[in-house]
Amino acid sequence: EALAIVWAGFLASLVDSLLGASAQAQYRCSECGVVSEKSRHCDQAAALIRGCRWMGNDAVNAVASAVGVAAGWYLLAAFAWPIR
């Protein structure tokens, strides 16, 4: 059972990293040039430079958590619970 939970946590962490690096929105401030996750910086709108506008850090965390729960449920149901 512990191995299934460890694998589920690993998969959730992997999904978090992949989404954070590819789909999470990143903005560049037009005033100072700083790259940020926020759509406003220096009291101005920042330009989207990569990712999806709707995919913020909270969305990445929600998707990664859902994947971890689903993976944990599947791994436990498939490998741990039938062994009893």
Foldseek 3Di string as FASTA:
>chain_A
DVVQLVVLLVQLVVQLVVCVVAAQWWWAAPPPGDIDSDQDDPNHGTHTDHHDVVRHSVNSNVVSVVSSVVSSVVCCVVPPVVVD
